[in-house]
All heavy atoms as atom14 arrays in JSON, in Angstrom:
{
  "sequence": "LFTIDQRPYRAALARAEADLERARSEALLTKSQNTRAQTLIEAKAISR",
  "atom14_mask": [
    [1, 1, 1, 1, 1, 1, 1, 1, 0, 0, 0, 0, 0, 0],
    [1, 1, 1, 1, 1, 1, 1, 1, 1, 1, 1, 0, 0, 0],
    [1, 1, 1, 1, 1, 1, 1, 0, 0, 0, 0, 0, 0, 0],
    [1, 1, 1, 1, 1, 1, 1, 1, 0, 0, 0, 0, 0, 0],
    [1, 1, 1, 1, 1, 1, 1, 1, 0, 0, 0, 0, 0, 0],
    [1, 1, 1, 1, 1, 1, 1, 1, 1, 0, 0, 0, 0, 0],
    [1, 1, 1, 1, 1, 1, 1, 1, 1, 1, 1, 0, 0, 0],
    [1, 1, 1, 1, 1, 1, 1, 0, 0, 0, 0, 0, 0, 0],
    [1, 1, 1, 1, 1, 1, 1, 1, 1, 1, 1, 1, 0, 0],
    [1, 1, 1, 1, 1, 1, 1, 1, 1, 1, 1, 0, 0, 0],
    [1, 1, 1, 1, 1, 0, 0, 0, 0, 0, 0, 0, 0, 0],
    [1, 1, 1, 1, 1, 0, 0, 0, 0, 0, 0, 0, 0, 0],
    [1, 1, 1, 1, 1, 1, 1, 1, 0, 0, 0, 0, 0, 0],
    [1, 1, 1, 1, 1, 0, 0, 0, 0, 0, 0, 0, 0, 0],
    [1, 1, 1, 1, 1, 1, 1, 1, 1, 1, 1, 0, 0, 0],
    [1, 1, 1, 1, 1, 0, 0, 0, 0, 0, 0, 0, 0, 0],
    [1, 1, 1, 1, 1, 1, 1, 1, 1, 0, 0, 0, 0, 0],
    [1, 1, 1, 1, 1, 0, 0, 0, 0, 0, 0, 0, 0, 0],
    [1, 1, 1, 1, 1, 1, 1, 1, 0, 0, 0, 0, 0, 0],
    [1, 1, 1, 1, 1, 1, 1, 1, 0, 0, 0, 0, 0, 0],
    [1, 1, 1, 1, 1, 1, 1, 1, 1, 0, 0, 0, 0, 0],
    [1, 1, 1, 1, 1, 1, 1, 1, 1, 1, 1, 0, 0, 0],
    [1, 1, 1, 1, 1, 0, 0, 0, 0, 0, 0, 0, 0, 0],
    [1, 1, 1, 1, 1, 1, 1, 1, 1, 1, 1, 0, 0, 0],
    [1, 1, 1, 1, 1, 1, 0, 0, 0, 0, 0, 0, 0, 0],
    [1, 1, 1, 1, 1, 1, 1, 1, 1, 0, 0, 0, 0, 0],
    [1, 1, 1, 1, 1, 0, 0, 0, 0, 0, 0, 0, 0, 0],
    [1, 1, 1, 1, 1, 1, 1, 1, 0, 0, 0, 0, 0, 0],
    [1, 1, 1, 1, 1, 1, 1, 1, 0, 0, 0, 0, 0, 0],
    [1, 1, 1, 1, 1, 1, 1, 0, 0, 0, 0, 0, 0, 0],
    [1, 1, 1, 1, 1, 1, 1, 1, 1, 0, 0, 0, 0, 0],
    [1, 1, 1, 1, 1, 1, 0, 0, 0, 0, 0, 0, 0, 0],
    [1, 1, 1, 1, 1, 1, 1, 1, 1, 0, 0, 0, 0, 0],
    [1, 1, 1, 1, 1, 1, 1, 1, 0, 0, 0, 0, 0, 0],
    [1, 1, 1, 1, 1, 1, 1, 0, 0, 0, 0, 0, 0, 0],
    [1, 1, 1, 1, 1, 1, 1, 1, 1, 1, 1, 0, 0, 0],
    [1, 1, 1, 1, 1, 0, 0, 0, 0, 0, 0, 0, 0, 0],
    [1, 1, 1, 1, 1, 1, 1, 1, 1, 0, 0, 0, 0, 0],
    [1, 1, 1, 1, 1, 1, 1, 0, 0, 0, 0, 0, 0, 0],
    [1, 1, 1, 1, 1, 1, 1, 1, 0, 0, 0, 0, 0, 0],
    [1, 1, 1, 1, 1, 1, 1, 1, 0, 0, 0, 0, 0, 0],
    [1, 1, 1, 1, 1, 1, 1, 1, 1, 0, 0, 0, 0, 0],
    [1, 1, 1, 1, 1, 0, 0, 0, 0, 0, 0, 0, 0, 0],
    [1, 1, 1, 1, 1, 1, 1, 1, 1, 0, 0, 0, 0, 0],
    [1, 1, 1, 1, 1, 0, 0, 0, 0, 0, 0, 0, 0, 0],
    [1, 1, 1, 1, 1, 1, 1, 1, 0, 0, 0, 0, 0, 0],
    [1, 1, 1, 1, 1, 1, 0, 0, 0, 0, 0, 0, 0, 0],
    [1, 1, 1, 1, 1, 1, 1, 1, 1, 1, 1, 0, 0, 0]
  ],
  "atom14_positions": [
    [[-32.38, -11.03, -12.47], [-32.86, -12.07, -13.38], [-32.22, -13.43, -13.07], [-32.92, -14.46, -13.13], [-32.57, -11.68, -14.86], [-33.18, -10.34, -15.3], [-32.87, -10.1, -16.77], [-34.67, -10.27, -15.03], [0.0, 0.0, 0.0], [0.0, 0.0, 0.0], [0.0, 0.0, 0.0], [0.0, 0.0, 0.0], [0.0, 0.0, 0.0], [0.0, 0.0, 0.0]],
    [[-30.93, -13.47, -12.83], [-30.21, -14.72, -12.56], [-29.31, -14.53, -11.35], [-28.76, -13.43, -11.11], [-29.34, -15.16, -13.75], [-30.1, -15.53, -14.99], [-30.48, -14.57, -15.88], [-30.44, -16.87, -15.19], [-31.21, -14.92, -17.03], [-31.15, -17.23, -16.31], [-31.55, -16.26, -17.24], [0.0, 0.0, 0.0], [0.0, 0.0, 0.0], [0.0, 0.0, 0.0]],
    [[-29.13, -15.61, -10.59], [-28.19, -15.6, -9.45], [-27.21, -16.73, -9.64], [-27.61, -17.91, -9.8], [-28.89, -15.76, -8.11], [-29.84, -14.69, -7.95], [-27.89, -15.72, -6.97], [0.0, 0.0, 0.0], [0.0, 0.0, 0.0], [0.0, 0.0, 0.0], [0.0, 0.0, 0.0], [0.0, 0.0, 0.0], [0.0, 0.0, 0.0], [0.0, 0.0, 0.0]],
    [[-25.91, -16.41, -9.69], [-24.85, -17.41, -9.76], [-24.37, -17.72, -8.35], [-24.37, -16.83, -7.47], [-23.71, -16.89, -10.65], [-24.24, -16.7, -12.09], [-22.49, -17.82, -10.64], [-23.24, -16.05, -13.03], [0.0, 0.0, 0.0], [0.0, 0.0, 0.0], [0.0, 0.0, 0.0], [0.0, 0.0, 0.0], [0.0, 0.0, 0.0], [0.0, 0.0, 0.0]],
    [[-23.95, -18.95, -8.11], [-23.5, -19.4, -6.79], [-22.5, -18.4, -6.21], [-21.44, -18.16, -6.73], [-22.9, -20.78, -6.91], [-22.57, -21.39, -5.54], [-22.94, -20.79, -4.5], [-21.95, -22.48, -5.5], [0.0, 0.0, 0.0], [0.0, 0.0, 0.0], [0.0, 0.0, 0.0], [0.0, 0.0, 0.0], [0.0, 0.0, 0.0], [0.0, 0.0, 0.0]],
    [[-22.89, -17.81, -5.07], [-22.09, -16.71, -4.5], [-21.03, -17.18, -3.49], [-20.18, -16.37, -3.12], [-23.03, -15.74, -3.8], [-24.0, -15.04, -4.76], [-24.91, -14.06, -4.03], [-25.15, -14.19, -2.83], [-25.4, -13.06, -4.76], [0.0, 0.0, 0.0], [0.0, 0.0, 0.0], [0.0, 0.0, 0.0], [0.0, 0.0, 0.0], [0.0, 0.0, 0.0]],
    [[-21.08, -18.42, -3.07], [-20.19, -18.85, -1.98], [-18.7, -18.67, -2.3], [-17.94, -18.15, -1.48], [-20.5, -20.29, -1.61], [-21.85, -20.46, -0.95], [-22.24, -21.93, -0.76], [-22.36, -22.57, -2.03], [-22.65, -23.88, -2.18], [-22.78, -24.66, -1.07], [-22.77, -24.42, -3.37], [0.0, 0.0, 0.0], [0.0, 0.0, 0.0], [0.0, 0.0, 0.0]],
    [[-18.22, -19.07, -3.48], [-16.78, -18.84, -3.74], [-16.39, -17.37, -3.73], [-15.31, -17.01, -3.27], [-16.58, -19.47, -5.13], [-17.73, -20.4, -5.31], [-18.86, -19.79, -4.59], [0.0, 0.0, 0.0], [0.0, 0.0, 0.0], [0.0, 0.0, 0.0], [0.0, 0.0, 0.0], [0.0, 0.0, 0.0], [0.0, 0.0, 0.0], [0.0, 0.0, 0.0]],
    [[-17.28, -16.52, -4.16], [-16.98, -15.09, -4.25], [-17.09, -14.39, -2.89], [-16.38, -13.44, -2.63], [-17.9, -14.42, -5.28], [-17.66, -14.99, -6.65], [-18.49, -16.0, -7.19], [-16.62, -14.56, -7.46], [-18.24, -16.53, -8.43], [-16.37, -15.05, -8.72], [-17.18, -16.07, -9.2], [-16.95, -16.61, -10.45], [0.0, 0.0, 0.0], [0.0, 0.0, 0.0]],
    [[-17.95, -14.92, -2.03], [-18.0, -14.42, -0.67], [-16.7, -14.75, 0.05], [-16.14, -13.93, 0.8], [-19.17, -14.96, 0.1], [-20.53, -14.47, -0.4], [-21.64, -14.93, 0.52], [-22.93, -14.5, 0.01], [-23.49, -13.31, 0.18], [-22.82, -12.4, 0.87], [-24.67, -13.01, -0.3], [0.0, 0.0, 0.0], [0.0, 0.0, 0.0], [0.0, 0.0, 0.0]],
    [[-16.18, -15.97, -0.18], [-14.93, -16.38, 0.44], [-13.75, -15.54, -0.1], [-12.88, -15.1, 0.69], [-14.69, -17.85, 0.19], [0.0, 0.0, 0.0], [0.0, 0.0, 0.0], [0.0, 0.0, 0.0], [0.0, 0.0, 0.0], [0.0, 0.0, 0.0], [0.0, 0.0, 0.0], [0.0, 0.0, 0.0], [0.0, 0.0, 0.0], [0.0, 0.0, 0.0]],
    [[-13.79, -15.28, -1.4], [-12.71, -14.45, -1.98], [-12.76, -13.03, -1.41], [-11.7, -12.42, -1.14], [-12.84, -14.45, -3.49], [0.0, 0.0, 0.0], [0.0, 0.0, 0.0], [0.0, 0.0, 0.0], [0.0, 0.0, 0.0], [0.0, 0.0, 0.0], [0.0, 0.0, 0.0], [0.0, 0.0, 0.0], [0.0, 0.0, 0.0], [0.0, 0.0, 0.0]],
    [[-13.96, -12.49, -1.19], [-14.08, -11.16, -0.61], [-13.55, -11.14, 0.83], [-12.84, -10.22, 1.24], [-15.54, -10.71, -0.65], [-15.83, -9.37, 0.0], [-15.05, -8.25, -0.64], [-17.33, -9.07, -0.05], [0.0, 0.0, 0.0], [0.0, 0.0, 0.0], [0.0, 0.0, 0.0], [0.0, 0.0, 0.0], [0.0, 0.0, 0.0], [0.0, 0.0, 0.0]],
    [[-13.88, -12.18, 1.57], [-13.39, -12.28, 2.98], [-11.88, -12.33, 3.01], [-11.21, -11.7, 3.85], [-14.02, -13.47, 3.68], [0.0, 0.0, 0.0], [0.0, 0.0, 0.0], [0.0, 0.0, 0.0], [0.0, 0.0, 0.0], [0.0, 0.0, 0.0], [0.0, 0.0, 0.0], [0.0, 0.0, 0.0], [0.0, 0.0, 0.0], [0.0, 0.0, 0.0]],
    [[-11.28, -13.11, 2.11], [-9.82, -13.2, 2.06], [-9.21, -11.86, 1.68], [-8.19, -11.46, 2.29], [-9.45, -14.27, 1.04], [-7.93, -14.51, 0.97], [-7.6, -15.79, 0.16], [-8.16, -15.72, -1.2], [-9.16, -16.48, -1.57], [-9.76, -17.32, -0.73], [-9.62, -16.39, -2.82], [0.0, 0.0, 0.0], [0.0, 0.0, 0.0], [0.0, 0.0, 0.0]],
    [[-9.8, -11.16, 0.75], [-9.26, -9.88, 0.33], [-9.38, -8.86, 1.48], [-8.47, -8.05, 1.71], [-10.01, -9.37, -0.88], [0.0, 0.0, 0.0], [0.0, 0.0, 0.0], [0.0, 0.0, 0.0], [0.0, 0.0, 0.0], [0.0, 0.0, 0.0], [0.0, 0.0, 0.0], [0.0, 0.0, 0.0], [0.0, 0.0, 0.0], [0.0, 0.0, 0.0]],
    [[-10.45, -8.9, 2.24], [-10.6, -8.01, 3.38], [-9.59, -8.31, 4.46], [-9.06, -7.39, 5.13], [-12.04, -8.09, 3.92], [-13.08, -7.51, 2.99], [-14.51, -7.7, 3.48], [-14.72, -8.61, 4.31], [-15.41, -6.97, 3.01], [0.0, 0.0, 0.0], [0.0, 0.0, 0.0], [0.0, 0.0, 0.0], [0.0, 0.0, 0.0], [0.0, 0.0, 0.0]],
    [[-9.29, -9.58, 4.67], [-8.27, -9.94, 5.64], [-6.89, -9.44, 5.19], [-6.11, -8.92, 6.05], [-8.25, -11.45, 5.84], [0.0, 0.0, 0.0], [0.0, 0.0, 0.0], [0.0, 0.0, 0.0], [0.0, 0.0, 0.0], [0.0, 0.0, 0.0], [0.0, 0.0, 0.0], [0.0, 0.0, 0.0], [0.0, 0.0, 0.0], [0.0, 0.0, 0.0]],
    [[-6.62, -9.63, 3.92], [-5.33, -9.11, 3.42], [-5.24, -7.57, 3.57], [-4.15, -7.05, 3.89], [-5.17, -9.48, 1.94], [-4.97, -10.95, 1.74], [-4.59, -11.64, 2.71], [-5.22, -11.45, 0.59], [0.0, 0.0, 0.0], [0.0, 0.0, 0.0], [0.0, 0.0, 0.0], [0.0, 0.0, 0.0], [0.0, 0.0, 0.0], [0.0, 0.0, 0.0]],
    [[-6.35, -6.92, 3.43], [-6.35, -5.46, 3.62], [-6.07, -5.08, 5.06], [-5.28, -4.15, 5.35], [-7.7, -4.89, 3.18], [-7.9, -3.38, 3.4], [-6.86, -2.58, 2.66], [-9.3, -2.97, 2.96], [0.0, 0.0, 0.0], [0.0, 0.0, 0.0], [0.0, 0.0, 0.0], [0.0, 0.0, 0.0], [0.0, 0.0, 0.0], [0.0, 0.0, 0.0]],
    [[-6.61, -5.81, 6.01], [-6.35, -5.53, 7.43], [-4.88, -5.78, 7.75], [-4.28, -4.97, 8.49], [-7.24, -6.42, 8.28], [-8.74, -6.04, 8.24], [-8.99, -4.64, 8.77], [-8.27, -4.2, 9.71], [-9.88, -3.96, 8.2], [0.0, 0.0, 0.0], [0.0, 0.0, 0.0], [0.0, 0.0, 0.0], [0.0, 0.0, 0.0], [0.0, 0.0, 0.0]],
    [[-4.31, -6.82, 7.23], [-2.9, -7.1, 7.48], [-2.03, -6.0, 6.9], [-1.05, -5.52, 7.53], [-2.51, -8.45, 6.92], [-1.06, -8.85, 7.21], [-0.69, -10.24, 6.75], [-0.89, -10.41, 5.34], [-1.82, -11.17, 4.78], [-2.7, -11.76, 5.56], [-1.89, -11.27, 3.48], [0.0, 0.0, 0.0], [0.0, 0.0, 0.0], [0.0, 0.0, 0.0]],
    [[-2.36, -5.58, 5.67], [-1.58, -4.53, 5.02], [-1.68, -3.23, 5.82], [-0.68, -2.5, 5.94], [-2.05, -4.34, 3.6], [0.0, 0.0, 0.0], [0.0, 0.0, 0.0], [0.0, 0.0, 0.0], [0.0, 0.0, 0.0], [0.0, 0.0, 0.0], [0.0, 0.0, 0.0], [0.0, 0.0, 0.0], [0.0, 0.0, 0.0], [0.0, 0.0, 0.0]],
    [[-2.83, -2.92, 6.33], [-2.98, -1.7, 7.1], [-2.2, -1.78, 8.4], [-1.59, -0.77, 8.84], [-4.46, -1.44, 7.39], [-5.24, -0.93, 6.17], [-6.73, -0.83, 6.44], [-7.43, -0.25, 5.33], [-8.77, -0.19, 5.23], [-9.52, -0.7, 6.26], [-9.35, 0.35, 4.17], [0.0, 0.0, 0.0], [0.0, 0.0, 0.0], [0.0, 0.0, 0.0]],
    [[-2.2, -2.93, 9.02], [-1.43, -3.08, 10.28], [0.07, -2.94, 10.03], [0.75, -2.23, 10.78], [-1.74, -4.46, 10.86], [-0.98, -4.67, 12.04], [0.0, 0.0, 0.0], [0.0, 0.0, 0.0], [0.0, 0.0, 0.0], [0.0, 0.0, 0.0], [0.0, 0.0, 0.0], [0.0, 0.0, 0.0], [0.0, 0.0, 0.0], [0.0, 0.0, 0.0]],
    [[0.54, -3.55, 8.95], [1.95, -3.41, 8.63], [2.29, -1.97, 8.24], [3.36, -1.47, 8.6], [2.31, -4.34, 7.46], [2.22, -5.8, 7.81], [2.49, -6.72, 6.61], [2.6, -6.12, 5.49], [2.57, -7.96, 6.78], [0.0, 0.0, 0.0], [0.0, 0.0, 0.0], [0.0, 0.0, 0.0], [0.0, 0.0, 0.0], [0.0, 0.0, 0.0]],
    [[1.36, -1.31, 7.57], [1.61, 0.09, 7.22], [1.69, 0.96, 8.46], [2.5, 1.9, 8.54], [0.52, 0.58, 6.3], [0.0, 0.0, 0.0], [0.0, 0.0, 0.0], [0.0, 0.0, 0.0], [0.0, 0.0, 0.0], [0.0, 0.0, 0.0], [0.0, 0.0, 0.0], [0.0, 0.0, 0.0], [0.0, 0.0, 0.0], [0.0, 0.0, 0.0]],
    [[0.84, 0.67, 9.44], [0.89, 1.44, 10.67], [2.22, 1.27, 11.41], [2.8, 2.23, 11.91], [-0.28, 1.02, 11.58], [-0.45, 1.78, 12.88], [-0.75, 3.23, 12.56], [-1.58, 1.19, 13.71], [0.0, 0.0, 0.0], [0.0, 0.0, 0.0], [0.0, 0.0, 0.0], [0.0, 0.0, 0.0], [0.0, 0.0, 0.0], [0.0, 0.0, 0.0]],
    [[2.74, 0.02, 11.42], [4.0, -0.25, 12.06], [5.17, 0.44, 11.35], [5.99, 1.12, 11.99], [4.26, -1.75, 12.12], [5.62, -2.2, 12.68], [5.76, -1.71, 14.12], [5.77, -3.71, 12.59], [0.0, 0.0, 0.0], [0.0, 0.0, 0.0], [0.0, 0.0, 0.0], [0.0, 0.0, 0.0], [0.0, 0.0, 0.0], [0.0, 0.0, 0.0]],
    [[5.21, 0.34, 10.08], [6.31, 0.96, 9.32], [6.25, 2.47, 9.39], [7.29, 3.16, 9.37], [6.28, 0.52, 7.85], [5.0, 0.8, 7.3], [6.53, -0.99, 7.73], [0.0, 0.0, 0.0], [0.0, 0.0, 0.0], [0.0, 0.0, 0.0], [0.0, 0.0, 0.0], [0.0, 0.0, 0.0], [0.0, 0.0, 0.0], [0.0, 0.0, 0.0]],
    [[5.02, 3.01, 9.44], [4.91, 4.47, 9.6], [5.47, 4.92, 10.92], [6.18, 5.97, 10.99], [3.44, 4.85, 9.47], [3.22, 6.37, 9.53], [1.75, 6.72, 9.36], [1.53, 8.22, 9.45], [0.09, 8.57, 9.34], [0.0, 0.0, 0.0], [0.0, 0.0, 0.0], [0.0, 0.0, 0.0], [0.0, 0.0, 0.0], [0.0, 0.0, 0.0]],
    [[5.19, 4.17, 11.99], [5.73, 4.52, 13.31], [7.25, 4.42, 13.33], [7.94, 5.29, 13.88], [5.11, 3.6, 14.37], [5.67, 3.86, 15.63], [0.0, 0.0, 0.0], [0.0, 0.0, 0.0], [0.0, 0.0, 0.0], [0.0, 0.0, 0.0], [0.0, 0.0, 0.0], [0.0, 0.0, 0.0], [0.0, 0.0, 0.0], [0.0, 0.0, 0.0]],
    [[7.78, 3.36, 12.71], [9.22, 3.2, 12.65], [9.88, 4.32, 11.87], [10.94, 4.82, 12.22], [9.56, 1.85, 12.05], [9.22, 0.65, 12.93], [9.47, -0.65, 12.23], [9.65, -0.69, 11.02], [9.51, -1.74, 13.03], [0.0, 0.0, 0.0], [0.0, 0.0, 0.0], [0.0, 0.0, 0.0], [0.0, 0.0, 0.0], [0.0, 0.0, 0.0]],
    [[9.21, 4.74, 10.81], [9.77, 5.84, 9.98], [9.78, 7.15, 10.77], [10.71, 7.95, 10.66], [8.92, 5.99, 8.7], [9.54, 7.0, 7.76], [10.74, 7.03, 7.52], [8.67, 7.91, 7.28], [0.0, 0.0, 0.0], [0.0, 0.0, 0.0], [0.0, 0.0, 0.0], [0.0, 0.0, 0.0], [0.0, 0.0, 0.0], [0.0, 0.0, 0.0]],
    [[8.73, 7.34, 11.6], [8.69, 8.58, 12.41], [9.83, 8.6, 13.42], [10.5, 9.65, 13.61], [7.34, 8.69, 13.11], [6.3, 8.66, 12.13], [7.24, 9.98, 13.94], [0.0, 0.0, 0.0], [0.0, 0.0, 0.0], [0.0, 0.0, 0.0], [0.0, 0.0, 0.0], [0.0, 0.0, 0.0], [0.0, 0.0, 0.0], [0.0, 0.0, 0.0]],
    [[10.08, 7.47, 14.09], [11.17, 7.41, 15.06], [12.54, 7.59, 14.33], [13.45, 8.21, 14.86], [11.15, 6.11, 15.81], [10.0, 6.03, 16.8], [10.25, 4.89, 17.8], [10.33, 3.61, 17.15], [9.31, 2.8, 16.95], [8.09, 3.2, 17.3], [9.47, 1.64, 16.33], [0.0, 0.0, 0.0], [0.0, 0.0, 0.0], [0.0, 0.0, 0.0]],
    [[12.64, 6.99, 13.15], [13.9, 7.11, 12.42], [14.18, 8.57, 12.06], [15.35, 9.01, 12.08], [13.85, 6.27, 11.18], [0.0, 0.0, 0.0], [0.0, 0.0, 0.0], [0.0, 0.0, 0.0], [0.0, 0.0, 0.0], [0.0, 0.0, 0.0], [0.0, 0.0, 0.0], [0.0, 0.0, 0.0], [0.0, 0.0, 0.0], [0.0, 0.0, 0.0]],
    [[13.16, 9.35, 11.83], [13.34, 10.76, 11.51], [13.97, 11.5, 12.7], [14.86, 12.35, 12.55], [11.98, 11.38, 11.16], [12.06, 12.82, 10.66], [12.71, 12.95, 9.29], [12.55, 12.05, 8.45], [13.48, 14.0, 9.09], [0.0, 0.0, 0.0], [0.0, 0.0, 0.0], [0.0, 0.0, 0.0], [0.0, 0.0, 0.0], [0.0, 0.0, 0.0]],
    [[13.49, 11.14, 13.92], [14.05, 11.77, 15.11], [15.47, 11.32, 15.33], [16.35, 12.13, 15.71], [13.18, 11.43, 16.35], [11.81, 11.82, 16.03], [13.64, 12.14, 17.57], [0.0, 0.0, 0.0], [0.0, 0.0, 0.0], [0.0, 0.0, 0.0], [0.0, 0.0, 0.0], [0.0, 0.0, 0.0], [0.0, 0.0, 0.0], [0.0, 0.0, 0.0]],
    [[15.73, 10.03, 15.13], [17.07, 9.49, 15.39], [18.1, 10.0, 14.4], [19.27, 10.21, 14.77], [17.01, 7.96, 15.36], [16.22, 7.29, 16.48], [16.14, 5.79, 16.26], [16.86, 7.59, 17.82], [0.0, 0.0, 0.0], [0.0, 0.0, 0.0], [0.0, 0.0, 0.0], [0.0, 0.0, 0.0], [0.0, 0.0, 0.0], [0.0, 0.0, 0.0]],
    [[17.67, 10.2, 13.16], [18.65, 10.67, 12.17], [19.08, 12.09, 12.48], [20.2, 12.48, 12.2], [18.1, 10.55, 10.76], [19.21, 10.75, 9.69], [16.97, 11.56, 10.5], [20.27, 9.71, 9.76], [0.0, 0.0, 0.0], [0.0, 0.0, 0.0], [0.0, 0.0, 0.0], [0.0, 0.0, 0.0], [0.0, 0.0, 0.0], [0.0, 0.0, 0.0]],
    [[18.15, 12.85, 13.05], [18.5, 14.21, 13.43], [19.48, 14.26, 14.58], [20.31, 15.15, 14.69], [17.25, 15.01, 13.78], [16.3, 15.25, 12.59], [15.0, 15.91, 13.01], [14.85, 16.15, 14.22], [14.16, 16.22, 12.15], [0.0, 0.0, 0.0], [0.0, 0.0, 0.0], [0.0, 0.0, 0.0], [0.0, 0.0, 0.0], [0.0, 0.0, 0.0]],
    [[19.33, 13.24, 15.48], [20.29, 13.14, 16.61], [21.56, 12.35, 16.26], [22.4, 12.12, 17.1], [19.59, 12.48, 17.8], [0.0, 0.0, 0.0], [0.0, 0.0, 0.0], [0.0, 0.0, 0.0], [0.0, 0.0, 0.0], [0.0, 0.0, 0.0], [0.0, 0.0, 0.0], [0.0, 0.0, 0.0], [0.0, 0.0, 0.0], [0.0, 0.0, 0.0]],
    [[21.59, 11.9, 14.97], [22.71, 11.11, 14.5], [22.91, 9.85, 15.3], [24.01, 9.39, 15.56], [24.01, 11.94, 14.52], [23.95, 13.15, 13.59], [25.26, 13.91, 13.55], [25.17, 15.13, 12.64], [26.43, 15.87, 12.63], [0.0, 0.0, 0.0], [0.0, 0.0, 0.0], [0.0, 0.0, 0.0], [0.0, 0.0, 0.0], [0.0, 0.0, 0.0]],
    [[21.72, 9.24, 15.69], [21.75, 7.99, 16.48], [21.7, 6.77, 15.59], [22.01, 5.65, 16.04], [20.6, 7.97, 17.46], [0.0, 0.0, 0.0], [0.0, 0.0, 0.0], [0.0, 0.0, 0.0], [0.0, 0.0, 0.0], [0.0, 0.0, 0.0], [0.0, 0.0, 0.0], [0.0, 0.0, 0.0], [0.0, 0.0, 0.0], [0.0, 0.0, 0.0]],
    [[21.25, 6.96, 14.33], [21.26, 5.82, 13.36], [21.95, 6.28, 12.09], [22.1, 7.49, 11.85], [19.82, 5.37, 13.04], [18.99, 6.52, 12.44], [19.09, 4.82, 14.29], [17.62, 6.1, 11.96], [0.0, 0.0, 0.0], [0.0, 0.0, 0.0], [0.0, 0.0, 0.0], [0.0, 0.0, 0.0], [0.0, 0.0, 0.0], [0.0, 0.0, 0.0]],
    [[22.29, 5.26, 11.32], [22.97, 5.57, 10.08], [21.99, 6.06, 9.01], [20.78, 5.84, 9.12], [23.72, 4.36, 9.57], [22.79, 3.34, 9.25], [0.0, 0.0, 0.0], [0.0, 0.0, 0.0], [0.0, 0.0, 0.0], [0.0, 0.0, 0.0], [0.0, 0.0, 0.0], [0.0, 0.0, 0.0], [0.0, 0.0, 0.0], [0.0, 0.0, 0.0]],
    [[22.57, 6.7, 8.05], [21.71, 7.19, 6.97], [21.08, 6.01, 6.19], [19.96, 6.07, 5.72], [22.55, 8.03, 6.0], [21.74, 8.78, 4.96], [21.0, 9.91, 5.65], [20.11, 10.59, 4.69], [19.36, 11.6, 5.0], [19.35, 12.05, 6.26], [18.6, 12.17, 4.13], [0.0, 0.0, 0.0], [0.0, 0.0, 0.0], [0.0, 0.0, 0.0]]
  ]
}
């Protein structure tokens, strides 16, 4: 029935999607670091 100007909301959606990609990338990095830390702690190569 009605259409409200969508441009500001399309931009907000694009920004939120970009933030999601960055968060996923950071999560992937920290997950990899946590996996290595698990191996190192067993070898007593890093501190608790």
